[in-house]
Each structure stands twice: as C-alpha cells, then as structure tokens.
Amino acid sequence: GGSLRLSCAASGRTFSRYSMGWFRPAPGKERE
C-alpha cells in the first residue's frame, strides 16, 4: 500500500529525442 518515486537521470543533451520506458524482470521473460 505504500508509495515510491523512481527517477532515471539521463546524461547528454538529447534526452528529449528518446522515448523512455520502465521494465522489470518477470518469470520467463527478459524484461516485462
């Protein structure tokens, strides 16, 4: 029931050109 805020800091000056995603491992998958 709790909360967290994850942050992902990117280096460089072209961050805005990227689509960004969050993934996590899952059984039978490299990334979910």
mmCIF file of all heavy atoms, coordinates in Angstrom:
data_MODEL
# 
_entry.id   MODEL 
# 
loop_
_atom_site.group_PDB 
_atom_site.id 
_atom_site.type_symbol 
_atom_site.label_atom_id 
_atom_site.label_alt_id 
_atom_site.label_comp_id 
_atom_site.label_asym_id 
_atom_site.label_entity_id 
_atom_site.label_seq_id 
_atom_site.pdbx_PDB_ins_code 
_atom_site.Cartn_x 
_atom_site.Cartn_y 
_atom_site.Cartn_z 
_atom_site.occupancy 
_atom_site.B_iso_or_equiv 
_atom_site.pdbx_formal_charge 
_atom_site.auth_seq_id 
_atom_site.auth_comp_id 
_atom_site.auth_asym_id 
_atom_site.auth_atom_id 
_atom_site.pdbx_PDB_model_num 
ATOM 1   N N   . GLY A 1 1  ? 0.788  -1.216  0.000   1.00 0.00 ? 1  GLY A N   1 
ATOM 2   C CA  . GLY A 1 1  ? 0.000  0.000   0.000   1.00 0.00 ? 1  GLY A CA  1 
ATOM 3   C C   . GLY A 1 1  ? 0.823  1.269   0.000   1.00 0.00 ? 1  GLY A C   1 
ATOM 4   O O   . GLY A 1 1  ? 0.262  2.361   -0.163  1.00 0.00 ? 1  GLY A O   1 
ATOM 5   N N   . GLY A 1 2  ? 2.115  1.140   0.156   1.00 0.00 ? 2  GLY A N   1 
ATOM 6   C CA  . GLY A 1 2  ? 2.984  2.293   0.184   1.00 0.00 ? 2  GLY A CA  1 
ATOM 7   C C   . GLY A 1 2  ? 3.301  2.823   -1.198  1.00 0.00 ? 2  GLY A C   1 
ATOM 8   O O   . GLY A 1 2  ? 2.836  2.302   -2.217  1.00 0.00 ? 2  GLY A O   1 
ATOM 9   N N   . SER A 1 3  ? 4.132  3.862   -1.221  1.00 0.00 ? 3  SER A N   1 
ATOM 10  C CA  . SER A 1 3  ? 4.465  4.539   -2.467  1.00 0.00 ? 3  SER A CA  1 
ATOM 11  C C   . SER A 1 3  ? 5.961  4.773   -2.571  1.00 0.00 ? 3  SER A C   1 
ATOM 12  O O   . SER A 1 3  ? 6.663  4.900   -1.564  1.00 0.00 ? 3  SER A O   1 
ATOM 13  C CB  . SER A 1 3  ? 3.749  5.890   -2.558  1.00 0.00 ? 3  SER A CB  1 
ATOM 14  O OG  . SER A 1 3  ? 2.343  5.745   -2.535  1.00 0.00 ? 3  SER A OG  1 
ATOM 15  N N   . LEU A 1 4  ? 6.423  4.828   -3.805  1.00 0.00 ? 4  LEU A N   1 
ATOM 16  C CA  . LEU A 1 4  ? 7.794  5.190   -4.119  1.00 0.00 ? 4  LEU A CA  1 
ATOM 17  C C   . LEU A 1 4  ? 7.795  5.995   -5.403  1.00 0.00 ? 4  LEU A C   1 
ATOM 18  O O   . LEU A 1 4  ? 6.904  5.842   -6.241  1.00 0.00 ? 4  LEU A O   1 
ATOM 19  C CB  . LEU A 1 4  ? 8.681  3.963   -4.316  1.00 0.00 ? 4  LEU A CB  1 
ATOM 20  C CG  . LEU A 1 4  ? 9.108  3.153   -3.096  1.00 0.00 ? 4  LEU A CG  1 
ATOM 21  C CD1 . LEU A 1 4  ? 9.826  1.887   -3.556  1.00 0.00 ? 4  LEU A CD1 1 
ATOM 22  C CD2 . LEU A 1 4  ? 10.017 3.973   -2.200  1.00 0.00 ? 4  LEU A CD2 1 
ATOM 23  N N   . ARG A 1 5  ? 8.795  6.831   -5.556  1.00 0.00 ? 5  ARG A N   1 
ATOM 24  C CA  . ARG A 1 5  ? 9.028  7.510   -6.818  1.00 0.00 ? 5  ARG A CA  1 
ATOM 25  C C   . ARG A 1 5  ? 10.415 7.160   -7.318  1.00 0.00 ? 5  ARG A C   1 
ATOM 26  O O   . ARG A 1 5  ? 11.418 7.500   -6.683  1.00 0.00 ? 5  ARG A O   1 
ATOM 27  C CB  . ARG A 1 5  ? 8.897  9.031   -6.691  1.00 0.00 ? 5  ARG A CB  1 
ATOM 28  C CG  . ARG A 1 5  ? 8.960  9.725   -8.057  1.00 0.00 ? 5  ARG A CG  1 
ATOM 29  C CD  . ARG A 1 5  ? 8.910  11.234  -7.967  1.00 0.00 ? 5  ARG A CD  1 
ATOM 30  N NE  . ARG A 1 5  ? 10.168 11.799  -7.497  1.00 0.00 ? 5  ARG A NE  1 
ATOM 31  C CZ  . ARG A 1 5  ? 10.464 13.092  -7.552  1.00 0.00 ? 5  ARG A CZ  1 
ATOM 32  N NH1 . ARG A 1 5  ? 9.576  13.956  -8.045  1.00 0.00 ? 5  ARG A NH1 1 
ATOM 33  N NH2 . ARG A 1 5  ? 11.627 13.529  -7.096  1.00 0.00 ? 5  ARG A NH2 1 
ATOM 34  N N   . LEU A 1 6  ? 10.452 6.470   -8.434  1.00 0.00 ? 6  LEU A N   1 
ATOM 35  C CA  . LEU A 1 6  ? 11.707 6.133   -9.064  1.00 0.00 ? 6  LEU A CA  1 
ATOM 36  C C   . LEU A 1 6  ? 12.110 7.243   -10.027 1.00 0.00 ? 6  LEU A C   1 
ATOM 37  O O   . LEU A 1 6  ? 11.263 7.836   -10.690 1.00 0.00 ? 6  LEU A O   1 
ATOM 38  C CB  . LEU A 1 6  ? 11.602 4.819   -9.831  1.00 0.00 ? 6  LEU A CB  1 
ATOM 39  C CG  . LEU A 1 6  ? 11.069 3.608   -9.064  1.00 0.00 ? 6  LEU A CG  1 
ATOM 40  C CD1 . LEU A 1 6  ? 11.142 2.366   -9.947  1.00 0.00 ? 6  LEU A CD1 1 
ATOM 41  C CD2 . LEU A 1 6  ? 11.833 3.399   -7.774  1.00 0.00 ? 6  LEU A CD2 1 
ATOM 42  N N   . SER A 1 7  ? 13.394 7.503   -10.091 1.00 0.00 ? 7  SER A N   1 
ATOM 43  C CA  . SER A 1 7  ? 13.927 8.504   -11.000 1.00 0.00 ? 7  SER A CA  1 
ATOM 44  C C   . SER A 1 7  ? 14.957 7.872   -11.910 1.00 0.00 ? 7  SER A C   1 
ATOM 45  O O   . SER A 1 7  ? 15.667 6.952   -11.513 1.00 0.00 ? 7  SER A O   1 
ATOM 46  C CB  . SER A 1 7  ? 14.571 9.661   -10.229 1.00 0.00 ? 7  SER A CB  1 
ATOM 47  O OG  . SER A 1 7  ? 13.629 10.328  -9.416  1.00 0.00 ? 7  SER A OG  1 
ATOM 48  N N   . CYS A 1 8  ? 15.026 8.370   -13.114 1.00 0.00 ? 8  CYS A N   1 
ATOM 49  C CA  . CYS A 1 8  ? 16.014 7.927   -14.084 1.00 0.00 ? 8  CYS A CA  1 
ATOM 50  C C   . CYS A 1 8  ? 16.638 9.163   -14.702 1.00 0.00 ? 8  CYS A C   1 
ATOM 51  O O   . CYS A 1 8  ? 15.979 9.893   -15.452 1.00 0.00 ? 8  CYS A O   1 
ATOM 52  C CB  . CYS A 1 8  ? 15.360 7.052   -15.153 1.00 0.00 ? 8  CYS A CB  1 
ATOM 53  S SG  . CYS A 1 8  ? 16.463 6.551   -16.484 1.00 0.00 ? 8  CYS A SG  1 
ATOM 54  N N   . ALA A 1 9  ? 17.886 9.400   -14.366 1.00 0.00 ? 9  ALA A N   1 
ATOM 55  C CA  . ALA A 1 9  ? 18.605 10.564  -14.859 1.00 0.00 ? 9  ALA A CA  1 
ATOM 56  C C   . ALA A 1 9  ? 19.423 10.183  -16.079 1.00 0.00 ? 9  ALA A C   1 
ATOM 57  O O   . ALA A 1 9  ? 20.161 9.199   -16.059 1.00 0.00 ? 9  ALA A O   1 
ATOM 58  C CB  . ALA A 1 9  ? 19.507 11.132  -13.770 1.00 0.00 ? 9  ALA A CB  1 
ATOM 59  N N   . ALA A 1 10 ? 19.304 10.972  -17.127 1.00 0.00 ? 10 ALA A N   1 
ATOM 60  C CA  . ALA A 1 10 ? 19.989 10.709  -18.382 1.00 0.00 ? 10 ALA A CA  1 
ATOM 61  C C   . ALA A 1 10 ? 21.094 11.720  -18.603 1.00 0.00 ? 10 ALA A C   1 
ATOM 62  O O   . ALA A 1 10 ? 20.930 12.909  -18.317 1.00 0.00 ? 10 ALA A O   1 
ATOM 63  C CB  . ALA A 1 10 ? 19.012 10.748  -19.550 1.00 0.00 ? 10 ALA A CB  1 
ATOM 64  N N   . SER A 1 11 ? 22.185 11.245  -19.126 1.00 0.00 ? 11 SER A N   1 
ATOM 65  C CA  . SER A 1 11 ? 23.283 12.125  -19.482 1.00 0.00 ? 11 SER A CA  1 
ATOM 66  C C   . SER A 1 11 ? 23.104 12.632  -20.901 1.00 0.00 ? 11 SER A C   1 
ATOM 67  O O   . SER A 1 11 ? 22.337 12.080  -21.690 1.00 0.00 ? 11 SER A O   1 
ATOM 68  C CB  . SER A 1 11 ? 24.618 11.390  -19.348 1.00 0.00 ? 11 SER A CB  1 
ATOM 69  O OG  . SER A 1 11 ? 24.694 10.309  -20.265 1.00 0.00 ? 11 SER A OG  1 
ATOM 70  N N   . GLY A 1 12 ? 23.816 13.684  -21.229 1.00 0.00 ? 12 GLY A N   1 
ATOM 71  C CA  . GLY A 1 12 ? 23.764 14.219  -22.571 1.00 0.00 ? 12 GLY A CA  1 
ATOM 72  C C   . GLY A 1 12 ? 22.747 15.331  -22.729 1.00 0.00 ? 12 GLY A C   1 
ATOM 73  O O   . GLY A 1 12 ? 22.012 15.677  -21.803 1.00 0.00 ? 12 GLY A O   1 
ATOM 74  N N   . ARG A 1 13 ? 22.682 15.849  -23.949 1.00 0.00 ? 13 ARG A N   1 
ATOM 75  C CA  . ARG A 1 13 ? 21.821 16.985  -24.253 1.00 0.00 ? 13 ARG A CA  1 
ATOM 76  C C   . ARG A 1 13 ? 20.718 16.640  -25.237 1.00 0.00 ? 13 ARG A C   1 
ATOM 77  O O   . ARG A 1 13 ? 20.069 17.542  -25.770 1.00 0.00 ? 13 ARG A O   1 
ATOM 78  C CB  . ARG A 1 13 ? 22.676 18.133  -24.807 1.00 0.00 ? 13 ARG A CB  1 
ATOM 79  C CG  . ARG A 1 13 ? 23.852 18.512  -23.919 1.00 0.00 ? 13 ARG A CG  1 
ATOM 80  C CD  . ARG A 1 13 ? 24.727 19.552  -24.566 1.00 0.00 ? 13 ARG A CD  1 
ATOM 81  N NE  . ARG A 1 13 ? 24.088 20.853  -24.608 1.00 0.00 ? 13 ARG A NE  1 
ATOM 82  C CZ  . ARG A 1 13 ? 24.625 21.939  -25.147 1.00 0.00 ? 13 ARG A CZ  1 
ATOM 83  N NH1 . ARG A 1 13 ? 25.831 21.868  -25.696 1.00 0.00 ? 13 ARG A NH1 1 
ATOM 84  N NH2 . ARG A 1 13 ? 23.973 23.085  -25.132 1.00 0.00 ? 13 ARG A NH2 1 
ATOM 85  N N   . THR A 1 14 ? 20.490 15.352  -25.469 1.00 0.00 ? 14 THR A N   1 
ATOM 86  C CA  . THR A 1 14 ? 19.500 14.904  -26.441 1.00 0.00 ? 14 THR A CA  1 
ATOM 87  C C   . THR A 1 14 ? 18.420 14.040  -25.813 1.00 0.00 ? 14 THR A C   1 
ATOM 88  O O   . THR A 1 14 ? 17.787 13.239  -26.488 1.00 0.00 ? 14 THR A O   1 
ATOM 89  C CB  . THR A 1 14 ? 20.173 14.134  -27.589 1.00 0.00 ? 14 THR A CB  1 
ATOM 90  O OG1 . THR A 1 14 ? 20.897 13.016  -27.063 1.00 0.00 ? 14 THR A OG1 1 
ATOM 91  C CG2 . THR A 1 14 ? 21.127 15.038  -28.353 1.00 0.00 ? 14 THR A CG2 1 
ATOM 92  N N   . PHE A 1 15 ? 18.173 14.210  -24.536 1.00 0.00 ? 15 PHE A N   1 
ATOM 93  C CA  . PHE A 1 15 ? 17.210 13.388  -23.820 1.00 0.00 ? 15 PHE A CA  1 
ATOM 94  C C   . PHE A 1 15 ? 15.818 13.461  -24.437 1.00 0.00 ? 15 PHE A C   1 
ATOM 95  O O   . PHE A 1 15 ? 15.105 12.451  -24.514 1.00 0.00 ? 15 PHE A O   1 
ATOM 96  C CB  . PHE A 1 15 ? 17.162 13.813  -22.353 1.00 0.00 ? 15 PHE A CB  1 
ATOM 97  C CG  . PHE A 1 15 ? 16.084 13.134  -21.552 1.00 0.00 ? 15 PHE A CG  1 
ATOM 98  C CD1 . PHE A 1 15 ? 16.198 11.808  -21.195 1.00 0.00 ? 15 PHE A CD1 1 
ATOM 99  C CD2 . PHE A 1 15 ? 14.958 13.838  -21.156 1.00 0.00 ? 15 PHE A CD2 1 
ATOM 100 C CE1 . PHE A 1 15 ? 15.217 11.182  -20.447 1.00 0.00 ? 15 PHE A CE1 1 
ATOM 101 C CE2 . PHE A 1 15 ? 13.972 13.224  -20.409 1.00 0.00 ? 15 PHE A CE2 1 
ATOM 102 C CZ  . PHE A 1 15 ? 14.105 11.895  -20.055 1.00 0.00 ? 15 PHE A CZ  1 
ATOM 103 N N   . SER A 1 16 ? 15.419 14.639  -24.873 1.00 0.00 ? 16 SER A N   1 
ATOM 104 C CA  . SER A 1 16 ? 14.061 14.836  -25.355 1.00 0.00 ? 16 SER A CA  1 
ATOM 105 C C   . SER A 1 16 ? 13.746 14.044  -26.615 1.00 0.00 ? 16 SER A C   1 
ATOM 106 O O   . SER A 1 16 ? 12.574 13.852  -26.944 1.00 0.00 ? 16 SER A O   1 
ATOM 107 C CB  . SER A 1 16 ? 13.797 16.328  -25.610 1.00 0.00 ? 16 SER A CB  1 
ATOM 108 O OG  . SER A 1 16 ? 14.658 16.837  -26.612 1.00 0.00 ? 16 SER A OG  1 
ATOM 109 N N   . ARG A 1 17 ? 14.744 13.565  -27.315 1.00 0.00 ? 17 ARG A N   1 
ATOM 110 C CA  . ARG A 1 17 ? 14.510 12.830  -28.552 1.00 0.00 ? 17 ARG A CA  1 
ATOM 111 C C   . ARG A 1 17 ? 14.178 11.356  -28.297 1.00 0.00 ? 17 ARG A C   1 
ATOM 112 O O   . ARG A 1 17 ? 13.780 10.654  -29.229 1.00 0.00 ? 17 ARG A O   1 
ATOM 113 C CB  . ARG A 1 17 ? 15.725 12.928  -29.474 1.00 0.00 ? 17 ARG A CB  1 
ATOM 114 C CG  . ARG A 1 17 ? 16.805 11.888  -29.232 1.00 0.00 ? 17 ARG A CG  1 
ATOM 115 C CD  . ARG A 1 17 ? 17.983 12.101  -30.134 1.00 0.00 ? 17 ARG A CD  1 
ATOM 116 N NE  . ARG A 1 17 ? 18.821 10.911  -30.219 1.00 0.00 ? 17 ARG A NE  1 
ATOM 117 C CZ  . ARG A 1 17 ? 20.062 10.895  -30.657 1.00 0.00 ? 17 ARG A CZ  1 
ATOM 118 N NH1 . ARG A 1 17 ? 20.634 12.011  -31.067 1.00 0.00 ? 17 ARG A NH1 1 
ATOM 119 N NH2 . ARG A 1 17 ? 20.746 9.759   -30.702 1.00 0.00 ? 17 ARG A NH2 1 
ATOM 120 N N   . TYR A 1 18 ? 14.345 10.895  -27.075 1.00 0.00 ? 18 TYR A N   1 
ATOM 121 C CA  . TYR A 1 18 ? 14.141 9.486   -26.758 1.00 0.00 ? 18 TYR A CA  1 
ATOM 122 C C   . TYR A 1 18 ? 12.768 9.219   -26.170 1.00 0.00 ? 18 TYR A C   1 
ATOM 123 O O   . TYR A 1 18 ? 12.260 10.000  -25.355 1.00 0.00 ? 18 TYR A O   1 
ATOM 124 C CB  . TYR A 1 18 ? 15.190 8.997   -25.756 1.00 0.00 ? 18 TYR A CB  1 
ATOM 125 C CG  . TYR A 1 18 ? 16.600 9.016   -26.267 1.00 0.00 ? 18 TYR A CG  1 
ATOM 126 C CD1 . TYR A 1 18 ? 17.488 10.004  -25.852 1.00 0.00 ? 18 TYR A CD1 1 
ATOM 127 C CD2 . TYR A 1 18 ? 17.045 8.049   -27.156 1.00 0.00 ? 18 TYR A CD2 1 
ATOM 128 C CE1 . TYR A 1 18 ? 18.790 10.025  -26.321 1.00 0.00 ? 18 TYR A CE1 1 
ATOM 129 C CE2 . TYR A 1 18 ? 18.347 8.072   -27.628 1.00 0.00 ? 18 TYR A CE2 1 
ATOM 130 C CZ  . TYR A 1 18 ? 19.211 9.052   -27.210 1.00 0.00 ? 18 TYR A CZ  1 
ATOM 131 O OH  . TYR A 1 18 ? 20.502 9.068   -27.672 1.00 0.00 ? 18 TYR A OH  1 
ATOM 132 N N   . SER A 1 19 ? 12.186 8.111   -26.565 1.00 0.00 ? 19 SER A N   1 
ATOM 133 C CA  . SER A 1 19 ? 11.105 7.522   -25.805 1.00 0.00 ? 19 SER A CA  1 
ATOM 134 C C   . SER A 1 19 ? 11.712 6.776   -24.626 1.00 0.00 ? 19 SER A C   1 
ATOM 135 O O   . SER A 1 19 ? 12.781 6.175   -24.753 1.00 0.00 ? 19 SER A O   1 
ATOM 136 C CB  . SER A 1 19 ? 10.283 6.567   -26.662 1.00 0.00 ? 19 SER A CB  1 
ATOM 137 O OG  . SER A 1 19 ? 9.591  7.262   -27.675 1.00 0.00 ? 19 SER A OG  1 
ATOM 138 N N   . MET A 1 20 ? 11.035 6.809   -23.495 1.00 0.00 ? 20 MET A N   1 
ATOM 139 C CA  . MET A 1 20 ? 11.569 6.222   -22.279 1.00 0.00 ? 20 MET A CA  1 
ATOM 140 C C   . MET A 1 20 ? 10.615 5.177   -21.731 1.00 0.00 ? 20 MET A C   1 
ATOM 141 O O   . MET A 1 20 ? 9.398  5.321   -21.822 1.00 0.00 ? 20 MET A O   1 
ATOM 142 C CB  . MET A 1 20 ? 11.812 7.302   -21.219 1.00 0.00 ? 20 MET A CB  1 
ATOM 143 C CG  . MET A 1 20 ? 12.736 8.429   -21.664 1.00 0.00 ? 20 MET A CG  1 
ATOM 144 S SD  . MET A 1 20 ? 14.429 7.857   -21.999 1.00 0.00 ? 20 MET A SD  1 
ATOM 145 C CE  . MET A 1 20 ? 14.907 7.263   -20.372 1.00 0.00 ? 20 MET A CE  1 
ATOM 146 N N   . GLY A 1 21 ? 11.190 4.154   -21.142 1.00 0.00 ? 21 GLY A N   1 
ATOM 147 C CA  . GLY A 1 21 ? 10.373 3.091   -20.579 1.00 0.00 ? 21 GLY A CA  1 
ATOM 148 C C   . GLY A 1 21 ? 10.924 2.570   -19.270 1.00 0.00 ? 21 GLY A C   1 
ATOM 149 O O   . GLY A 1 21 ? 12.102 2.760   -18.950 1.00 0.00 ? 21 GLY A O   1 
ATOM 150 N N   . TRP A 1 22 ? 10.042 1.941   -18.521 1.00 0.00 ? 22 TRP A N   1 
ATOM 151 C CA  . TRP A 1 22 ? 10.408 1.229   -17.300 1.00 0.00 ? 22 TRP A CA  1 
ATOM 152 C C   . TRP A 1 22 ? 10.056 -0.241  -17.463 1.00 0.00 ? 22 TRP A C   1 
ATOM 153 O O   . TRP A 1 22 ? 8.955  -0.576  -17.934 1.00 0.00 ? 22 TRP A O   1 
ATOM 154 C CB  . TRP A 1 22 ? 9.685  1.789   -16.078 1.00 0.00 ? 22 TRP A CB  1 
ATOM 155 C CG  . TRP A 1 22 ? 10.174 3.131   -15.635 1.00 0.00 ? 22 TRP A CG  1 
ATOM 156 C CD1 . TRP A 1 22 ? 9.661  4.340   -15.973 1.00 0.00 ? 22 TRP A CD1 1 
ATOM 157 C CD2 . TRP A 1 22 ? 11.273 3.388   -14.755 1.00 0.00 ? 22 TRP A CD2 1 
ATOM 158 N NE1 . TRP A 1 22 ? 10.368 5.346   -15.361 1.00 0.00 ? 22 TRP A NE1 1 
ATOM 159 C CE2 . TRP A 1 22 ? 11.361 4.795   -14.610 1.00 0.00 ? 22 TRP A CE2 1 
ATOM 160 C CE3 . TRP A 1 22 ? 12.182 2.588   -14.082 1.00 0.00 ? 22 TRP A CE3 1 
ATOM 161 C CZ2 . TRP A 1 22 ? 12.334 5.395   -13.815 1.00 0.00 ? 22 TRP A CZ2 1 
ATOM 162 C CZ3 . TRP A 1 22 ? 13.147 3.187   -13.296 1.00 0.00 ? 22 TRP A CZ3 1 
ATOM 163 C CH2 . TRP A 1 22 ? 13.220 4.573   -13.165 1.00 0.00 ? 22 TRP A CH2 1 
ATOM 164 N N   . PHE A 1 23 ? 10.969 -1.103  -17.066 1.00 0.00 ? 23 PHE A N   1 
ATOM 165 C CA  . PHE A 1 23 ? 10.798 -2.543  -17.195 1.00 0.00 ? 23 PHE A CA  1 
ATOM 166 C C   . PHE A 1 23 ? 11.240 -3.228  -15.914 1.00 0.00 ? 23 PHE A C   1 
ATOM 167 O O   . PHE A 1 23 ? 11.990 -2.671  -15.118 1.00 0.00 ? 23 PHE A O   1 
ATOM 168 C CB  . PHE A 1 23 ? 11.618 -3.083  -18.374 1.00 0.00 ? 23 PHE A CB  1 
ATOM 169 C CG  . PHE A 1 23 ? 11.214 -2.532  -19.710 1.00 0.00 ? 23 PHE A CG  1 
ATOM 170 C CD1 . PHE A 1 23 ? 11.685 -1.308  -20.139 1.00 0.00 ? 23 PHE A CD1 1 
ATOM 171 C CD2 . PHE A 1 23 ? 10.362 -3.245  -20.535 1.00 0.00 ? 23 PHE A CD2 1 
ATOM 172 C CE1 . PHE A 1 23 ? 11.322 -0.792  -21.366 1.00 0.00 ? 23 PHE A CE1 1 
ATOM 173 C CE2 . PHE A 1 23 ? 9.984  -2.746  -21.771 1.00 0.00 ? 23 PHE A CE2 1 
ATOM 174 C CZ  . PHE A 1 23 ? 10.466 -1.513  -22.182 1.00 0.00 ? 23 PHE A CZ  1 
ATOM 175 N N   . ARG A 1 24 ? 10.787 -4.448  -15.739 1.00 0.00 ? 24 ARG A N   1 
ATOM 176 C CA  . ARG A 1 24 ? 11.211 -5.266  -14.612 1.00 0.00 ? 24 ARG A CA  1 
ATOM 177 C C   . ARG A 1 24 ? 11.285 -6.716  -15.054 1.00 0.00 ? 24 ARG A C   1 
ATOM 178 O O   . ARG A 1 24 ? 10.555 -7.141  -15.950 1.00 0.00 ? 24 ARG A O   1 
ATOM 179 C CB  . ARG A 1 24 ? 10.250 -5.114  -13.427 1.00 0.00 ? 24 ARG A CB  1 
ATOM 180 C CG  . ARG A 1 24 ? 8.833  -5.603  -13.702 1.00 0.00 ? 24 ARG A CG  1 
ATOM 181 C CD  . ARG A 1 24 ? 7.877  -5.187  -12.604 1.00 0.00 ? 24 ARG A CD  1 
ATOM 182 N NE  . ARG A 1 24 ? 6.541  -5.718  -12.828 1.00 0.00 ? 24 ARG A NE  1 
ATOM 183 C CZ  . ARG A 1 24 ? 5.470  -5.379  -12.137 1.00 0.00 ? 24 ARG A CZ  1 
ATOM 184 N NH1 . ARG A 1 24 ? 5.571  -4.497  -11.130 1.00 0.00 ? 24 ARG A NH1 1 
ATOM 185 N NH2 . ARG A 1 24 ? 4.296  -5.922  -12.416 1.00 0.00 ? 24 ARG A NH2 1 
ATOM 186 N N   . PRO A 1 25 ? 12.169 -7.506  -14.451 1.00 0.00 ? 25 PRO A N   1 
ATOM 187 C CA  . PRO A 1 25 ? 12.226 -8.927  -14.791 1.00 0.00 ? 25 PRO A CA  1 
ATOM 188 C C   . PRO A 1 25 ? 10.940 -9.634  -14.384 1.00 0.00 ? 25 PRO A C   1 
ATOM 189 O O   . PRO A 1 25 ? 10.271 -9.238  -13.426 1.00 0.00 ? 25 PRO A O   1 
ATOM 190 C CB  . PRO A 1 25 ? 13.416 -9.454  -13.979 1.00 0.00 ? 25 PRO A CB  1 
ATOM 191 C CG  . PRO A 1 25 ? 14.215 -8.239  -13.645 1.00 0.00 ? 25 PRO A CG  1 
ATOM 192 C CD  . PRO A 1 25 ? 13.217 -7.134  -13.484 1.00 0.00 ? 25 PRO A CD  1 
ATOM 193 N N   . ALA A 1 26 ? 10.619 -10.670 -15.122 1.00 0.00 ? 26 ALA A N   1 
ATOM 194 C CA  . ALA A 1 26 ? 9.448  -11.479 -14.840 1.00 0.00 ? 26 ALA A CA  1 
ATOM 195 C C   . ALA A 1 26 ? 9.741  -12.916 -15.234 1.00 0.00 ? 26 ALA A C   1 
ATOM 196 O O   . ALA A 1 26 ? 10.565 -13.160 -16.120 1.00 0.00 ? 26 ALA A O   1 
ATOM 197 C CB  . ALA A 1 26 ? 8.229  -10.951 -15.585 1.00 0.00 ? 26 ALA A CB  1 
ATOM 198 N N   . PRO A 1 27 ? 9.075  -13.879 -14.593 1.00 0.00 ? 27 PRO A N   1 
ATOM 199 C CA  . PRO A 1 27 ? 9.318  -15.283 -14.948 1.00 0.00 ? 27 PRO A CA  1 
ATOM 200 C C   . PRO A 1 27 ? 9.105  -15.542 -16.429 1.00 0.00 ? 27 PRO A C   1 
ATOM 201 O O   . PRO A 1 27 ? 8.078  -15.165 -16.996 1.00 0.00 ? 27 PRO A O   1 
ATOM 202 C CB  . PRO A 1 27 ? 8.288  -16.039 -14.101 1.00 0.00 ? 27 PRO A CB  1 
ATOM 203 C CG  . PRO A 1 27 ? 8.038  -15.146 -12.935 1.00 0.00 ? 27 PRO A CG  1 
ATOM 204 C CD  . PRO A 1 27 ? 8.124  -13.749 -13.482 1.00 0.00 ? 27 PRO A CD  1 
ATOM 205 N N   . GLY A 1 28 ? 10.089 -16.157 -17.054 1.00 0.00 ? 28 GLY A N   1 
ATOM 206 C CA  . GLY A 1 28 ? 10.001 -16.486 -18.459 1.00 0.00 ? 28 GLY A CA  1 
ATOM 207 C C   . GLY A 1 28 ? 10.240 -15.332 -19.403 1.00 0.00 ? 28 GLY A C   1 
ATOM 208 O O   . GLY A 1 28 ? 10.082 -15.503 -20.619 1.00 0.00 ? 28 GLY A O   1 
ATOM 209 N N   . LYS A 1 29 ? 10.612 -14.184 -18.886 1.00 0.00 ? 29 LYS A N   1 
ATOM 210 C CA  . LYS A 1 29 ? 10.844 -13.010 -19.715 1.00 0.00 ? 29 LYS A CA  1 
ATOM 211 C C   . LYS A 1 29 ? 12.157 -12.355 -19.342 1.00 0.00 ? 29 LYS A C   1 
ATOM 212 O O   . LYS A 1 29 ? 12.573 -12.384 -18.191 1.00 0.00 ? 29 LYS A O   1 
ATOM 213 C CB  . LYS A 1 29 ? 9.708  -11.992 -19.548 1.00 0.00 ? 29 LYS A CB  1 
ATOM 214 C CG  . LYS A 1 29 ? 8.325  -12.508 -19.894 1.00 0.00 ? 29 LYS A CG  1 
ATOM 215 C CD  . LYS A 1 29 ? 7.281  -11.432 -19.641 1.00 0.00 ? 29 LYS A CD  1 
ATOM 216 C CE  . LYS A 1 29 ? 5.882  -11.929 -19.937 1.00 0.00 ? 29 LYS A CE  1 
ATOM 217 N NZ  . LYS A 1 29 ? 4.862  -10.886 -19.645 1.00 0.00 ? 29 LYS A NZ  1 
ATOM 218 N N   . GLU A 1 30 ? 12.802 -11.769 -20.339 1.00 0.00 ? 30 GLU A N   1 
ATOM 219 C CA  . GLU A 1 30 ? 13.981 -10.970 -20.058 1.00 0.00 ? 30 GLU A CA  1 
ATOM 220 C C   . GLU A 1 30 ? 13.582 -9.701  -19.315 1.00 0.00 ? 30 GLU A C   1 
ATOM 221 O O   . GLU A 1 30 ? 14.201 -9.334  -18.310 1.00 0.00 ? 30 GLU A O   1 
ATOM 222 C CB  . GLU A 1 30 ? 14.707 -10.628 -21.356 1.00 0.00 ? 30 GLU A CB  1 
ATOM 223 C CG  . GLU A 1 30 ? 15.459 -11.791 -21.977 1.00 0.00 ? 30 GLU A CG  1 
ATOM 224 C CD  . GLU A 1 30 ? 16.677 -12.180 -21.180 1.00 0.00 ? 30 GLU A CD  1 
ATOM 225 O OE1 . GLU A 1 30 ? 17.359 -11.285 -20.642 1.00 0.00 ? 30 GLU A OE1 1 
ATOM 226 O OE2 . GLU A 1 30 ? 16.951 -13.388 -21.088 1.00 0.00 ? 30 GLU A OE2 1 
ATOM 227 N N   . ARG A 1 31 ? 12.568 -9.045  -19.846 1.00 0.00 ? 31 ARG A N   1 
ATOM 228 C CA  . ARG A 1 31 ? 12.052 -7.825  -19.244 1.00 0.00 ? 31 ARG A CA  1 
ATOM 229 C C   . ARG A 1 31 ? 10.553 -7.758  -19.470 1.00 0.00 ? 31 ARG A C   1 
ATOM 230 O O   . ARG A 1 31 ? 10.061 -8.032  -20.563 1.00 0.00 ? 31 ARG A O   1 
ATOM 231 C CB  . ARG A 1 31 ? 12.708 -6.585  -19.863 1.00 0.00 ? 31 ARG A CB  1 
ATOM 232 C CG  . ARG A 1 31 ? 14.212 -6.471  -19.645 1.00 0.00 ? 31 ARG A CG  1 
ATOM 233 C CD  . ARG A 1 31 ? 14.534 -6.077  -18.228 1.00 0.00 ? 31 ARG A CD  1 
ATOM 234 N NE  . ARG A 1 31 ? 15.946 -5.778  -18.071 1.00 0.00 ? 31 ARG A NE  1 
ATOM 235 C CZ  . ARG A 1 31 ? 16.878 -6.673  -17.776 1.00 0.00 ? 31 ARG A CZ  1 
ATOM 236 N NH1 . ARG A 1 31 ? 16.526 -7.956  -17.604 1.00 0.00 ? 31 ARG A NH1 1 
ATOM 237 N NH2 . ARG A 1 31 ? 18.142 -6.313  -17.644 1.00 0.00 ? 31 ARG A NH2 1 
ATOM 238 N N   . GLU A 1 32 ? 9.845  -7.379  -18.429 1.00 0.00 ? 32 GLU A N   1 
ATOM 239 C CA  . GLU A 1 32 ? 8.413  -7.160  -18.516 1.00 0.00 ? 32 GLU A CA  1 
ATOM 240 C C   . GLU A 1 32 ? 8.148  -5.664  -18.616 1.00 0.00 ? 32 GLU A C   1 
ATOM 241 O O   . GLU A 1 32 ? 8.661  -4.878  -17.820 1.00 0.00 ? 32 GLU A O   1 
ATOM 242 C CB  . GLU A 1 32 ? 7.712  -7.736  -17.297 1.00 0.00 ? 32 GLU A CB  1 
ATOM 243 C CG  . GLU A 1 32 ? 6.206  -7.515  -17.288 1.00 0.00 ? 32 GLU A CG  1 
ATOM 244 C CD  . GLU A 1 32 ? 5.567  -7.989  -16.010 1.00 0.00 ? 32 GLU A CD  1 
ATOM 245 O OE1 . GLU A 1 32 ? 6.023  -7.560  -14.925 1.00 0.00 ? 32 GLU A OE1 1 
ATOM 246 O OE2 . GLU A 1 32 ? 4.626  -8.810  -16.098 1.00 0.00 ? 32 GLU A OE2 1 
# 
